[in-house]
Amino acid sequence: MVAAAKREVLLRVHRHRLRPEDLEDCYSQATLELLAYVRRGGRFASGAHVANALEQRFLSRVHDRRRALSGRSAMQAALESALPLDALERERFEIADIRAELERLALARQQLRRVRELAPELSHDQRLALAAQLGEVDRDEFCRRHGWSAEKYRKVAQRARARLRELLALEEMDVPHAGRLS
């Protein structure tokens, strides 16, 4: 009852600290920690004691999450700055690697633009398989989710890469060479 009563207040008061889904995760984790404490035989003196313990654990989880997102956890920081897989369809964006030399970076951006422009030439299944590979989705999980066999996944991805190479090669053949410009 205390957890249900305090939920809205704590999430509203601390909404400036994290995204709503992260706050929900922190609150759920704090609640589960208190439930585990009670199941192990822990006791609270009153409802106010439970409320204070819940708020303290919730704030501790919020601070932990903020530290992880600010760079203490390399994985959390990378996930936080990652783009969703469908970002290519929603808007244009630039991928920058501050360690790359300028020429290599410009070539990589151009190649990414070409791949994005040619992707609609692939079948839906081919785009799906490549997106899964680029997103590092586990093959078994992907196959289970989409009802594919491992062999179908392998073949579709293989054909998608071959088709993309073919489209890139055809596009390069259409580019005029310096000797033919006159």
N, C-alpha and C. Protein backbone atom coordinates (compact mmCIF):
# COMPACT_ATOMS: atom_id res chain seq x y z
N MET A 1 0.83 -1.19 0.00
CA MET A 1 0.00 0.00 0.00
C MET A 1 0.88 1.26 0.00
N VAL A 2 1.95 1.21 0.77
CA VAL A 2 2.84 2.37 0.83
C VAL A 2 3.49 2.61 -0.53
N ALA A 3 3.94 1.54 -1.18
CA ALA A 3 4.58 1.67 -2.49
C ALA A 3 3.62 2.27 -3.51
N ALA A 4 2.37 1.84 -3.50
CA ALA A 4 1.38 2.38 -4.43
C ALA A 4 1.09 3.84 -4.14
N ALA A 5 1.03 4.20 -2.87
CA ALA A 5 0.71 5.58 -2.48
C ALA A 5 1.86 6.54 -2.81
N LYS A 6 3.09 6.09 -2.65
CA LYS A 6 4.24 6.98 -2.85
C LYS A 6 4.68 7.08 -4.32
N ARG A 7 4.25 6.15 -5.16
CA ARG A 7 4.75 6.05 -6.53
C ARG A 7 4.59 7.36 -7.31
N GLU A 8 3.38 7.84 -7.43
CA GLU A 8 3.13 9.05 -8.25
C GLU A 8 3.89 10.25 -7.71
N VAL A 9 3.91 10.41 -6.40
CA VAL A 9 4.59 11.56 -5.80
C VAL A 9 6.08 11.52 -6.10
N LEU A 10 6.71 10.38 -5.85
CA LEU A 10 8.16 10.29 -6.07
C LEU A 10 8.52 10.44 -7.55
N LEU A 11 7.74 9.83 -8.44
CA LEU A 11 8.04 9.96 -9.86
C LEU A 11 7.86 11.40 -10.33
N ARG A 12 6.87 12.08 -9.82
CA ARG A 12 6.63 13.47 -10.23
C ARG A 12 7.71 14.39 -9.67
N VAL A 13 8.07 14.22 -8.40
CA VAL A 13 9.06 15.09 -7.76
C VAL A 13 10.43 14.94 -8.42
N HIS A 14 10.78 13.74 -8.88
CA HIS A 14 12.12 13.50 -9.44
C HIS A 14 12.12 13.37 -10.96
N ARG A 15 11.08 13.86 -11.61
CA ARG A 15 10.97 13.72 -13.06
C ARG A 15 12.08 14.45 -13.82
N HIS A 16 12.70 15.43 -13.19
CA HIS A 16 13.78 16.17 -13.86
C HIS A 16 15.11 15.39 -13.86
N ARG A 17 15.20 14.33 -13.07
CA ARG A 17 16.45 13.60 -12.94
C ARG A 17 16.69 12.58 -14.04
N LEU A 18 15.63 11.89 -14.49
CA LEU A 18 15.77 10.82 -15.49
C LEU A 18 14.53 10.80 -16.38
N ARG A 19 14.62 10.00 -17.44
CA ARG A 19 13.45 9.78 -18.29
C ARG A 19 12.41 9.00 -17.50
N PRO A 20 11.13 9.13 -17.88
CA PRO A 20 10.07 8.42 -17.14
C PRO A 20 10.28 6.92 -17.04
N GLU A 21 10.73 6.28 -18.12
CA GLU A 21 10.92 4.83 -18.06
C GLU A 21 12.07 4.45 -17.12
N ASP A 22 13.11 5.30 -17.04
CA ASP A 22 14.21 5.03 -16.12
C ASP A 22 13.76 5.22 -14.67
N LEU A 23 12.94 6.25 -14.43
CA LEU A 23 12.40 6.45 -13.09
C LEU A 23 11.54 5.27 -12.66
N GLU A 24 10.72 4.77 -13.59
CA GLU A 24 9.88 3.60 -13.30
C GLU A 24 10.75 2.40 -12.93
N ASP A 25 11.83 2.20 -13.68
CA ASP A 25 12.74 1.09 -13.38
C ASP A 25 13.35 1.24 -11.99
N CYS A 26 13.79 2.45 -11.66
CA CYS A 26 14.39 2.69 -10.35
C CYS A 26 13.37 2.45 -9.24
N TYR A 27 12.14 2.91 -9.44
CA TYR A 27 11.11 2.72 -8.42
C TYR A 27 10.78 1.24 -8.25
N SER A 28 10.67 0.54 -9.35
CA SER A 28 10.38 -0.90 -9.27
C SER A 28 11.50 -1.64 -8.55
N GLN A 29 12.72 -1.29 -8.87
CA GLN A 29 13.86 -1.95 -8.23
C GLN A 29 13.88 -1.67 -6.73
N ALA A 30 13.62 -0.43 -6.34
CA ALA A 30 13.59 -0.09 -4.91
C ALA A 30 12.48 -0.85 -4.19
N THR A 31 11.33 -0.95 -4.83
CA THR A 31 10.20 -1.67 -4.23
C THR A 31 10.54 -3.15 -4.06
N LEU A 32 11.13 -3.74 -5.08
CA LEU A 32 11.51 -5.15 -5.00
C LEU A 32 12.56 -5.39 -3.92
N GLU A 33 13.48 -4.46 -3.76
CA GLU A 33 14.49 -4.60 -2.71
C GLU A 33 13.84 -4.62 -1.33
N LEU A 34 12.85 -3.77 -1.12
CA LEU A 34 12.17 -3.74 0.18
C LEU A 34 11.35 -5.01 0.40
N LEU A 35 10.71 -5.49 -0.65
CA LEU A 35 9.96 -6.74 -0.53
C LEU A 35 10.88 -7.90 -0.19
N ALA A 36 12.03 -7.95 -0.81
CA ALA A 36 13.00 -9.01 -0.52
C ALA A 36 13.49 -8.89 0.92
N TYR A 37 13.68 -7.67 1.38
CA TYR A 37 14.12 -7.44 2.75
C TYR A 37 13.09 -8.00 3.75
N VAL A 38 11.82 -7.74 3.49
CA VAL A 38 10.75 -8.22 4.37
C VAL A 38 10.64 -9.74 4.31
N ARG A 39 10.78 -10.31 3.13
CA ARG A 39 10.71 -11.77 3.00
C ARG A 39 11.85 -12.47 3.73
N ARG A 40 12.98 -11.79 3.86
CA ARG A 40 14.12 -12.37 4.60
C ARG A 40 13.95 -12.18 6.11
N GLY A 41 12.85 -11.56 6.51
CA GLY A 41 12.60 -11.40 7.94
C GLY A 41 12.77 -9.99 8.45
N GLY A 42 13.07 -9.04 7.58
CA GLY A 42 13.22 -7.64 7.99
C GLY A 42 11.89 -7.05 8.43
N ARG A 43 11.95 -6.05 9.29
CA ARG A 43 10.73 -5.42 9.81
C ARG A 43 10.87 -3.90 9.76
N PHE A 44 9.73 -3.24 9.70
CA PHE A 44 9.67 -1.79 9.74
C PHE A 44 8.82 -1.37 10.92
N ALA A 45 9.13 -0.25 11.53
CA ALA A 45 8.43 0.20 12.72
C ALA A 45 7.04 0.74 12.40
N SER A 46 6.90 1.37 11.22
CA SER A 46 5.60 1.98 10.88
C SER A 46 5.52 2.19 9.37
N GLY A 47 4.37 2.67 8.94
CA GLY A 47 4.20 3.00 7.53
C GLY A 47 5.13 4.12 7.10
N ALA A 48 5.37 5.07 8.00
CA ALA A 48 6.30 6.16 7.69
C ALA A 48 7.72 5.62 7.51
N HIS A 49 8.08 4.64 8.31
CA HIS A 49 9.39 4.02 8.19
C HIS A 49 9.54 3.34 6.82
N VAL A 50 8.50 2.65 6.37
CA VAL A 50 8.50 2.01 5.05
C VAL A 50 8.63 3.07 3.96
N ALA A 51 7.86 4.15 4.09
CA ALA A 51 7.89 5.23 3.09
C ALA A 51 9.28 5.85 3.00
N ASN A 52 9.90 6.10 4.15
CA ASN A 52 11.25 6.68 4.14
C ASN A 52 12.27 5.73 3.53
N ALA A 53 12.17 4.46 3.88
CA ALA A 53 13.10 3.47 3.32
C ALA A 53 12.93 3.36 1.81
N LEU A 54 11.68 3.38 1.36
CA LEU A 54 11.40 3.30 -0.08
C LEU A 54 11.99 4.51 -0.80
N GLU A 55 11.77 5.70 -0.26
CA GLU A 55 12.30 6.90 -0.90
C GLU A 55 13.83 6.88 -0.92
N GLN A 56 14.42 6.44 0.18
CA GLN A 56 15.89 6.37 0.25
C GLN A 56 16.44 5.41 -0.80
N ARG A 57 15.84 4.24 -0.91
CA ARG A 57 16.30 3.26 -1.91
C ARG A 57 16.05 3.76 -3.33
N PHE A 58 14.91 4.39 -3.54
CA PHE A 58 14.59 4.94 -4.86
C PHE A 58 15.63 5.98 -5.27
N LEU A 59 15.95 6.91 -4.37
CA LEU A 59 16.95 7.93 -4.69
C LEU A 59 18.32 7.32 -4.93
N SER A 60 18.63 6.29 -4.19
CA SER A 60 19.91 5.60 -4.40
C SER A 60 19.96 4.99 -5.80
N ARG A 61 18.87 4.37 -6.25
CA ARG A 61 18.81 3.80 -7.60
C ARG A 61 18.89 4.90 -8.66
N VAL A 62 18.24 6.04 -8.40
CA VAL A 62 18.29 7.16 -9.35
C VAL A 62 19.72 7.66 -9.50
N HIS A 63 20.41 7.84 -8.38
CA HIS A 63 21.80 8.30 -8.43
C HIS A 63 22.71 7.28 -9.13
N ASP A 64 22.47 6.01 -8.87
CA ASP A 64 23.26 4.97 -9.55
C ASP A 64 23.04 5.04 -11.05
N ARG A 65 21.79 5.21 -11.45
CA ARG A 65 21.47 5.26 -12.89
C ARG A 65 22.09 6.49 -13.54
N ARG A 66 22.03 7.62 -12.86
CA ARG A 66 22.63 8.84 -13.42
C ARG A 66 24.14 8.70 -13.56
N ARG A 67 24.80 8.08 -12.59
CA ARG A 67 26.24 7.85 -12.69
C ARG A 67 26.55 6.94 -13.87
N ALA A 68 25.74 5.91 -14.05
CA ALA A 68 25.97 4.98 -15.16
C ALA A 68 25.80 5.69 -16.50
N LEU A 69 24.79 6.54 -16.61
CA LEU A 69 24.54 7.24 -17.87
C LEU A 69 25.57 8.32 -18.15
N SER A 70 26.17 8.86 -17.11
CA SER A 70 27.14 9.95 -17.33
C SER A 70 28.52 9.43 -17.69
N GLY A 71 28.69 8.12 -17.76
CA GLY A 71 29.96 7.62 -18.24
C GLY A 71 30.66 6.64 -17.34
N ARG A 72 30.20 6.48 -16.12
CA ARG A 72 30.84 5.49 -15.24
C ARG A 72 30.73 4.11 -15.85
N SER A 73 29.60 3.83 -16.45
CA SER A 73 29.40 2.55 -17.13
C SER A 73 29.50 2.82 -18.63
N ALA A 74 30.55 2.34 -19.25
CA ALA A 74 30.74 2.57 -20.68
C ALA A 74 29.58 2.01 -21.49
N MET A 75 29.08 0.85 -21.08
CA MET A 75 27.98 0.23 -21.81
C MET A 75 26.72 1.08 -21.71
N GLN A 76 26.37 1.57 -20.52
CA GLN A 76 25.17 2.39 -20.36
C GLN A 76 25.31 3.71 -21.12
N ALA A 77 26.49 4.32 -21.09
CA ALA A 77 26.71 5.56 -21.82
C ALA A 77 26.56 5.33 -23.32
N ALA A 78 27.09 4.21 -23.82
CA ALA A 78 26.96 3.90 -25.25
C ALA A 78 25.51 3.64 -25.62
N LEU A 79 24.80 2.90 -24.80
CA LEU A 79 23.38 2.63 -25.08
C LEU A 79 22.57 3.92 -25.05
N GLU A 80 22.89 4.81 -24.15
CA GLU A 80 22.16 6.06 -24.02
C GLU A 80 22.33 6.93 -25.26
N SER A 81 23.52 6.91 -25.86
CA SER A 81 23.77 7.75 -27.03
C SER A 81 23.50 7.04 -28.35
N ALA A 82 23.09 5.78 -28.30
CA ALA A 82 22.84 5.01 -29.52
C ALA A 82 21.54 5.47 -30.19
N LEU A 83 21.49 5.32 -31.51
CA LEU A 83 20.29 5.64 -32.27
C LEU A 83 19.46 4.39 -32.46
N PRO A 84 18.14 4.53 -32.48
CA PRO A 84 17.31 3.35 -32.76
C PRO A 84 17.50 2.89 -34.20
N LEU A 85 17.19 1.62 -34.47
CA LEU A 85 17.40 1.07 -35.80
C LEU A 85 16.57 1.76 -36.86
N ASP A 86 15.41 2.28 -36.51
CA ASP A 86 14.56 2.92 -37.51
C ASP A 86 14.88 4.40 -37.70
N ALA A 87 15.97 4.89 -37.11
CA ALA A 87 16.33 6.30 -37.24
C ALA A 87 16.62 6.67 -38.68
N LEU A 88 17.10 5.74 -39.49
CA LEU A 88 17.39 6.03 -40.89
C LEU A 88 16.13 6.44 -41.63
N GLU A 89 15.01 5.83 -41.31
CA GLU A 89 13.76 6.13 -42.00
C GLU A 89 13.13 7.41 -41.48
N ARG A 90 13.36 7.74 -40.21
CA ARG A 90 12.68 8.89 -39.61
C ARG A 90 13.35 10.22 -39.94
N GLU A 91 14.64 10.27 -39.96
CA GLU A 91 15.32 11.55 -40.17
C GLU A 91 16.75 11.33 -40.63
N ARG A 92 17.32 12.36 -41.16
CA ARG A 92 18.72 12.29 -41.60
C ARG A 92 19.62 12.59 -40.41
N PHE A 93 20.73 11.92 -40.33
CA PHE A 93 21.68 12.16 -39.26
C PHE A 93 23.07 11.86 -39.78
N GLU A 94 24.03 12.39 -39.10
CA GLU A 94 25.42 12.18 -39.46
C GLU A 94 26.08 11.34 -38.37
N ILE A 95 26.90 10.40 -38.79
CA ILE A 95 27.65 9.58 -37.84
C ILE A 95 29.07 10.11 -37.83
N ALA A 96 29.54 10.50 -36.67
CA ALA A 96 30.88 11.07 -36.56
C ALA A 96 31.75 10.22 -35.66
N ASP A 97 32.95 9.95 -36.13
CA ASP A 97 33.94 9.25 -35.33
C ASP A 97 35.10 10.22 -35.14
N ILE A 98 35.24 10.74 -33.95
CA ILE A 98 36.24 11.79 -33.74
C ILE A 98 37.66 11.28 -33.87
N ARG A 99 37.84 9.96 -33.88
CA ARG A 99 39.18 9.40 -34.01
C ARG A 99 39.58 9.19 -35.47
N ALA A 100 38.64 9.25 -36.39
CA ALA A 100 38.93 8.95 -37.80
C ALA A 100 39.58 10.15 -38.47
N GLU A 101 40.42 9.85 -39.45
CA GLU A 101 40.97 10.93 -40.25
C GLU A 101 39.84 11.51 -41.10
N LEU A 102 39.98 12.75 -41.49
CA LEU A 102 38.91 13.45 -42.19
C LEU A 102 38.53 12.75 -43.50
N GLU A 103 39.49 12.33 -44.28
CA GLU A 103 39.20 11.69 -45.56
C GLU A 103 38.45 10.37 -45.34
N ARG A 104 38.94 9.56 -44.41
CA ARG A 104 38.29 8.28 -44.14
C ARG A 104 36.87 8.49 -43.61
N LEU A 105 36.70 9.51 -42.79
CA LEU A 105 35.39 9.84 -42.26
C LEU A 105 34.44 10.26 -43.38
N ALA A 106 34.91 11.10 -44.29
CA ALA A 106 34.08 11.54 -45.41
C ALA A 106 33.69 10.37 -46.30
N LEU A 107 34.62 9.45 -46.56
CA LEU A 107 34.30 8.28 -47.38
C LEU A 107 33.30 7.36 -46.68
N ALA A 108 33.47 7.19 -45.39
CA ALA A 108 32.55 6.34 -44.63
C ALA A 108 31.14 6.93 -44.63
N ARG A 109 31.03 8.26 -44.47
CA ARG A 109 29.71 8.91 -44.50
C ARG A 109 29.06 8.75 -45.87
N GLN A 110 29.85 8.93 -46.92
CA GLN A 110 29.32 8.78 -48.27
C GLN A 110 28.83 7.35 -48.51
N GLN A 111 29.60 6.39 -48.06
CA GLN A 111 29.20 4.99 -48.24
C GLN A 111 27.93 4.69 -47.44
N LEU A 112 27.81 5.22 -46.24
CA LEU A 112 26.58 5.03 -45.46
C LEU A 112 25.38 5.65 -46.16
N ARG A 113 25.56 6.83 -46.75
CA ARG A 113 24.46 7.46 -47.50
C ARG A 113 24.03 6.59 -48.68
N ARG A 114 25.03 6.03 -49.37
CA ARG A 114 24.72 5.17 -50.52
C ARG A 114 23.98 3.92 -50.08
N VAL A 115 24.40 3.32 -48.98
CA VAL A 115 23.72 2.13 -48.47
C VAL A 115 22.29 2.48 -48.08
N ARG A 116 22.10 3.61 -47.42
CA ARG A 116 20.75 4.03 -47.02
C ARG A 116 19.87 4.27 -48.25
N GLU A 117 20.43 4.86 -49.28
CA GLU A 117 19.65 5.12 -50.50
C GLU A 117 19.32 3.83 -51.24
N LEU A 118 20.19 2.84 -51.17
CA LEU A 118 19.97 1.58 -51.89
C LEU A 118 19.17 0.56 -51.09
N ALA A 119 19.04 0.76 -49.79
CA ALA A 119 18.32 -0.20 -48.95
C ALA A 119 16.90 -0.49 -49.41
N PRO A 120 16.14 0.48 -49.92
CA PRO A 120 14.79 0.16 -50.39
C PRO A 120 14.75 -0.84 -51.56
N GLU A 121 15.88 -1.02 -52.23
CA GLU A 121 15.96 -1.99 -53.33
C GLU A 121 15.98 -3.43 -52.81
N LEU A 122 16.26 -3.60 -51.54
CA LEU A 122 16.27 -4.94 -50.94
C LEU A 122 14.86 -5.32 -50.54
N SER A 123 14.61 -6.61 -50.42
CA SER A 123 13.29 -7.06 -49.97
C SER A 123 13.13 -6.72 -48.48
N HIS A 124 11.88 -6.78 -48.03
CA HIS A 124 11.61 -6.50 -46.62
C HIS A 124 12.39 -7.46 -45.72
N ASP A 125 12.38 -8.74 -46.05
CA ASP A 125 13.10 -9.74 -45.25
C ASP A 125 14.60 -9.46 -45.24
N GLN A 126 15.13 -9.05 -46.39
CA GLN A 126 16.56 -8.76 -46.46
C GLN A 126 16.92 -7.56 -45.57
N ARG A 127 16.10 -6.49 -45.63
CA ARG A 127 16.35 -5.33 -44.78
C ARG A 127 16.24 -5.71 -43.30
N LEU A 128 15.27 -6.56 -42.98
CA LEU A 128 15.08 -7.00 -41.61
C LEU A 128 16.30 -7.78 -41.10
N ALA A 129 16.80 -8.70 -41.91
CA ALA A 129 17.96 -9.51 -41.52
C ALA A 129 19.21 -8.63 -41.35
N LEU A 130 19.44 -7.71 -42.28
CA LEU A 130 20.61 -6.83 -42.16
C LEU A 130 20.50 -5.91 -40.95
N ALA A 131 19.30 -5.39 -40.70
CA ALA A 131 19.11 -4.53 -39.52
C ALA A 131 19.41 -5.31 -38.25
N ALA A 132 19.01 -6.57 -38.22
CA ALA A 132 19.28 -7.40 -37.03
C ALA A 132 20.78 -7.60 -36.87
N GLN A 133 21.48 -7.83 -37.96
CA GLN A 133 22.93 -8.03 -37.86
C GLN A 133 23.63 -6.74 -37.46
N LEU A 134 23.20 -5.62 -38.02
CA LEU A 134 23.81 -4.34 -37.65
C LEU A 134 23.51 -3.98 -36.20
N GLY A 135 22.33 -4.35 -35.74
CA GLY A 135 21.94 -4.07 -34.37
C GLY A 135 22.45 -5.10 -33.39
N GLU A 136 23.21 -6.07 -33.89
CA GLU A 136 23.79 -7.13 -33.08
C GLU A 136 22.72 -7.88 -32.29
N VAL A 137 21.59 -8.15 -32.96
CA VAL A 137 20.53 -8.95 -32.37
C VAL A 137 20.93 -10.41 -32.48
N ASP A 138 20.76 -11.16 -31.42
CA ASP A 138 21.10 -12.57 -31.40
C ASP A 138 20.28 -13.32 -32.45
N ARG A 139 20.94 -14.17 -33.24
CA ARG A 139 20.28 -14.90 -34.31
C ARG A 139 19.12 -15.74 -33.80
N ASP A 140 19.35 -16.46 -32.73
CA ASP A 140 18.30 -17.34 -32.19
C ASP A 140 17.08 -16.54 -31.74
N GLU A 141 17.33 -15.41 -31.09
CA GLU A 141 16.24 -14.54 -30.65
C GLU A 141 15.47 -14.00 -31.85
N PHE A 142 16.20 -13.55 -32.88
CA PHE A 142 15.57 -13.03 -34.09
C PHE A 142 14.70 -14.11 -34.74
N CYS A 143 15.25 -15.31 -34.90
CA CYS A 143 14.51 -16.41 -35.54
C CYS A 143 13.27 -16.78 -34.75
N ARG A 144 13.37 -16.80 -33.44
CA ARG A 144 12.22 -17.12 -32.61
C ARG A 144 11.15 -16.04 -32.74
N ARG A 145 11.57 -14.79 -32.73
CA ARG A 145 10.63 -13.67 -32.80
C ARG A 145 9.91 -13.60 -34.14
N HIS A 146 10.61 -13.94 -35.24
CA HIS A 146 10.02 -13.81 -36.57
C HIS A 146 9.60 -15.13 -37.19
N GLY A 147 9.78 -16.22 -36.47
CA GLY A 147 9.37 -17.52 -36.98
C GLY A 147 10.23 -18.03 -38.13
N TRP A 148 11.49 -17.65 -38.14
CA TRP A 148 12.42 -18.07 -39.20
C TRP A 148 13.26 -19.23 -38.68
N SER A 149 13.74 -20.04 -39.60
CA SER A 149 14.74 -21.04 -39.24
C SER A 149 16.11 -20.38 -39.31
N ALA A 150 17.08 -20.99 -38.67
CA ALA A 150 18.45 -20.44 -38.70
C ALA A 150 18.98 -20.43 -40.13
N GLU A 151 18.62 -21.44 -40.91
CA GLU A 151 19.07 -21.52 -42.30
C GLU A 151 18.46 -20.39 -43.14
N LYS A 152 17.17 -20.11 -42.92
CA LYS A 152 16.54 -19.00 -43.66
C LYS A 152 17.23 -17.69 -43.30
N TYR A 153 17.49 -17.47 -42.02
CA TYR A 153 18.16 -16.25 -41.59
C TYR A 153 19.51 -16.11 -42.27
N ARG A 154 20.29 -17.20 -42.29
CA ARG A 154 21.62 -17.17 -42.91
C ARG A 154 21.52 -16.85 -44.39
N LYS A 155 20.59 -17.52 -45.09
CA LYS A 155 20.47 -17.32 -46.54
C LYS A 155 19.95 -15.93 -46.88
N VAL A 156 18.95 -15.45 -46.15
CA VAL A 156 18.41 -14.12 -46.44
C VAL A 156 19.47 -13.06 -46.19
N ALA A 157 20.20 -13.17 -45.10
CA ALA A 157 21.26 -12.19 -44.81
C ALA A 157 22.37 -12.26 -45.85
N GLN A 158 22.73 -13.47 -46.26
CA GLN A 158 23.76 -13.64 -47.27
C GLN A 158 23.33 -13.02 -48.60
N ARG A 159 22.09 -13.28 -48.99
CA ARG A 159 21.57 -12.70 -50.24
C ARG A 159 21.45 -11.18 -50.14
N ALA A 160 21.10 -10.69 -48.98
CA ALA A 160 20.99 -9.24 -48.79
C ALA A 160 22.34 -8.57 -48.96
N ARG A 161 23.37 -9.15 -48.35
CA ARG A 161 24.71 -8.56 -48.50
C ARG A 161 25.18 -8.62 -49.94
N ALA A 162 24.91 -9.74 -50.62
CA ALA A 162 25.31 -9.88 -52.02
C ALA A 162 24.57 -8.88 -52.89
N ARG A 163 23.26 -8.72 -52.64
CA ARG A 163 22.45 -7.77 -53.43
C ARG A 163 22.93 -6.34 -53.19
N LEU A 164 23.25 -6.02 -51.97
CA LEU A 164 23.74 -4.68 -51.66
C LEU A 164 25.08 -4.42 -52.34
N ARG A 165 25.98 -5.41 -52.33
CA ARG A 165 27.26 -5.27 -53.04
C ARG A 165 27.02 -5.06 -54.53
N GLU A 166 26.07 -5.81 -55.08
CA GLU A 166 25.75 -5.70 -56.50
C GLU A 166 25.22 -4.31 -56.82
N LEU A 167 24.32 -3.80 -56.00
CA LEU A 167 23.76 -2.47 -56.23
C LEU A 167 24.83 -1.39 -56.11
N LEU A 168 25.73 -1.54 -55.16
CA LEU A 168 26.82 -0.57 -55.01
C LEU A 168 27.74 -0.60 -56.22
N ALA A 169 28.02 -1.81 -56.72
CA ALA A 169 28.89 -1.94 -57.90
C ALA A 169 28.21 -1.33 -59.13
N LEU A 170 26.92 -1.57 -59.29
CA LEU A 170 26.19 -0.98 -60.43
C LEU A 170 26.19 0.54 -60.35
N GLU A 171 26.03 1.05 -59.17
CA GLU A 171 26.02 2.50 -59.00
C GLU A 171 27.39 3.09 -59.34
N GLU A 172 28.46 2.41 -58.95
CA GLU A 172 29.80 2.90 -59.26
C GLU A 172 30.06 2.88 -60.75
N MET A 173 29.47 1.92 -61.48
CA MET A 173 29.66 1.87 -62.94
C MET A 173 28.97 3.05 -63.62
N ASP A 174 27.93 3.60 -63.01
CA ASP A 174 27.21 4.75 -63.58
C ASP A 174 27.93 6.06 -63.37
N VAL A 175 28.93 6.11 -62.51
CA VAL A 175 29.65 7.35 -62.23
C VAL A 175 30.60 7.62 -63.39
N PRO A 176 30.52 8.81 -64.01
CA PRO A 176 31.42 9.11 -65.14
C PRO A 176 32.86 9.23 -64.67
N HIS A 177 33.76 8.72 -65.50
CA HIS A 177 35.18 8.81 -65.21
C HIS A 177 35.71 10.13 -65.75
N ALA A 178 36.85 10.57 -65.24
CA ALA A 178 37.44 11.87 -65.63
C ALA A 178 37.66 11.96 -67.13
N GLY A 179 38.01 10.86 -67.77
CA GLY A 179 38.28 10.87 -69.21
C GLY A 179 37.05 11.01 -70.06
N ARG A 180 35.86 10.73 -69.50
CA ARG A 180 34.61 10.78 -70.29
C ARG A 180 33.82 12.04 -70.04
N LEU A 181 34.33 13.01 -69.33
CA LEU A 181 33.56 14.19 -68.96
C LEU A 181 33.43 15.20 -70.08
N SER A 182 34.23 15.20 -71.08
CA SER A 182 34.20 16.25 -72.08
C SER A 182 33.06 16.20 -72.98
